[in-house]
Amino acid sequence: MGDAGRSSGGHATTRWSLRGMTALVTGGTRGIGHAVVEELAGLGASVHTCARKEADLTECLRKWAAEGFRVTGSVCDISSREQRDQLMREVSATFNGKLNILVNNVATNIRKPTVEFSAEEYSFLMATNLESAYHLCQLAHPLLKASGMGSIVFISSVGGVVALSTGSIYGATKAAMNQMTKNLACEWAKDNIRINSVAPWYIKTKLVEHLLDDKDFLQRVIDRTPLRRVGEPEEVSSLVGYLCLPAASYITGQIISVDGGMTIATNNRRARPWLLDLFLIRLAGLKELNSLHQKSRNSPLLSVALVILGAFLLIGYSFRGSGGFAGNKEAINIGQGVSCTSDVLQAIPFLKKAYGDSMRKVLHVGPDSCAVVSKLLKEEDTEAWGVEPYDLEDADSSCKSLVRKSFVRVADIKFPLPYRPKSFSLVIVSDSLDYLSPKYLNKTLPDLARVSADGLVIFTGYPGQQRAKVSELAKFGRPAKLRSSSWWLIESIKFWEASFTRTDYYDVTISSNETHHAPLIAGNADHCLDSLFASPSRERCSWPAVAAFLLYRRKRRLDKARTAGEGAAGHP
């Protein structure tokens, strides 16, 4: 990378300075681009920038001149090929045919479902986000090569690294930009030109103010970010500045996320097929099973794998129950039948924190509805009702009172449910594998979601284990068998993906008493189930098997996020 780039000790002044170098930063009058201009100028570079609005550019140039920065500018619509040609001619004339740094910052977004995009909107996003960056690299190549020490930095996005709700077209432009980074880094290395990408998460800029002003939306962003805050433009520009320095002369072809840890934590935040692997791993008592997720959809081998792993579960569980595993003498007796009621009861405070004021009318469907309804009624400002699918035996006076007052109904669970749409803010289903058969999946999930205004939480119970009640069959039929139990989870996820992702989001969360990795509520990762699984010796529904939760929550107050509009460069 030239002598300056390769120098090591004794040249701190040149290694950590851009003095004497030249830079072009697109879209430098606001947001991340504005911070990058000031970062590079502050490190000593002469910077040229561009903007669509002449008034904004004039004001910024005046301010930068007052601060002593060497910054020039051009009015340019970066989505126009002709204007990009003109911009590069001006840059070449300004910097005498040489350019050290190109920062492709300009980007925009249109927030709407993919099927609603017009051809014009698609072309606009592609031209602005991807084609402009590619074309400017082409135009800048001879100038960068002439400098003897060139550096290109793309302002990409975590939307090009992980799947987000920012839109498939925006994500595609950023993913293509990341791949272009790698290819150009190899192709142009011979010309001493380094290429890197910086991929930010949500950054505080005016272009996302309307999103972050929504408290619910902001909370979801924070909950997905381990550092628990939104980033600042200067936290992106500082990395851009470093990548342009001679001190970074051996760094090329890299995509670096500036996201507060979001991308490394996102696998535990959102439902993905490989969460099923965790489910199977815990069932079988295995610790490592990394390849199954590659075959977790539409694979003929999946059924065989599920049956085999289910067999391991039954053998392991029986062995554990007989005392074969040391250290768990209090394991549940399979012959007695088990229920997830204790899990539901202990999850109520977490649900209350997550749903807040919207958790006012709750319906519980499943065994021991009296206990759950009684617990819910003790919560402040919460009304509750229950549907008990089993005949009540030896019910106490409190339960009889709830039945008498019609808070709890002992009845068949038939679909459609006898409730009006959105009759309840939250619907909780427990021990669902006992009665929500895969055969009726197309009736079950939509109807449960229909009567819920804000959310649906399903406690699956014991896949492949004995029913919660053993005295008689449930009124609505036989429990799911081993294979269909596991298949129920898989088909549920596929069904929800197909049905709800347009206007809703969903989560599949898996927890066991062996781990502390799974948040119960989507977007509220701080309200975790750690306390529920703190004691491995406690007799509970999740020991020794797994308690799996299917969570569904309607998107509320996100109309702003789904409407078309420009988004900030370098953020989802």
Foldseek 3Di string as FASTA:
>chain_A
DDPLLPDDPDPVLQQQACAPAEEEQEPCLWFLNVLLLCLNQVRHYQYEYEEQDPVSVVVSVVVCVVVVGRYHYDHADLLDPVRLVVVLVVVCVVSVLAHAEYEAFWAWAWFAEPVPDDPVNLSSRCSGQAVSVVVNCVSCVRRNLVVQAHEYEYLAACLCVDPDNRYDSNNVRRVVVLVVQQVCQVVCVVSNYAYEYEHEAAEDIPQCCVQCVPVLSVLLLLLLAPQRHHHYSNLRSVVVSSCSGSNVSPDHSYYHYPYNCNVVQVVQFADDQCVLVVQLCLLLVHDDDPPCSVQSPPHPCPLVVLVVSLVSNVVVLVCVCVVVDPPAPPEDDLVQAAWQVVVLLVCVVLVCVVCPPLQQEEEEEEAPQLVNQVSQVVDPNHHAAYEYQDDDDPDDPSSVVCVVVRSYHHDHDDPPDPDAFQLGQEYEYICCQFAVFPVCLVGPVVSNNRNHDWKYKYWNFDQQTDHRDDPDRGPRDGGHHNSRSSVVVSVNVVVCVVPPPNFWGWHKFKDALVDFRHADDNSNNVSRCCVVSVDQNDHHRRPSHITIMIMITGDPPCPVSNGTDIHGGNYD
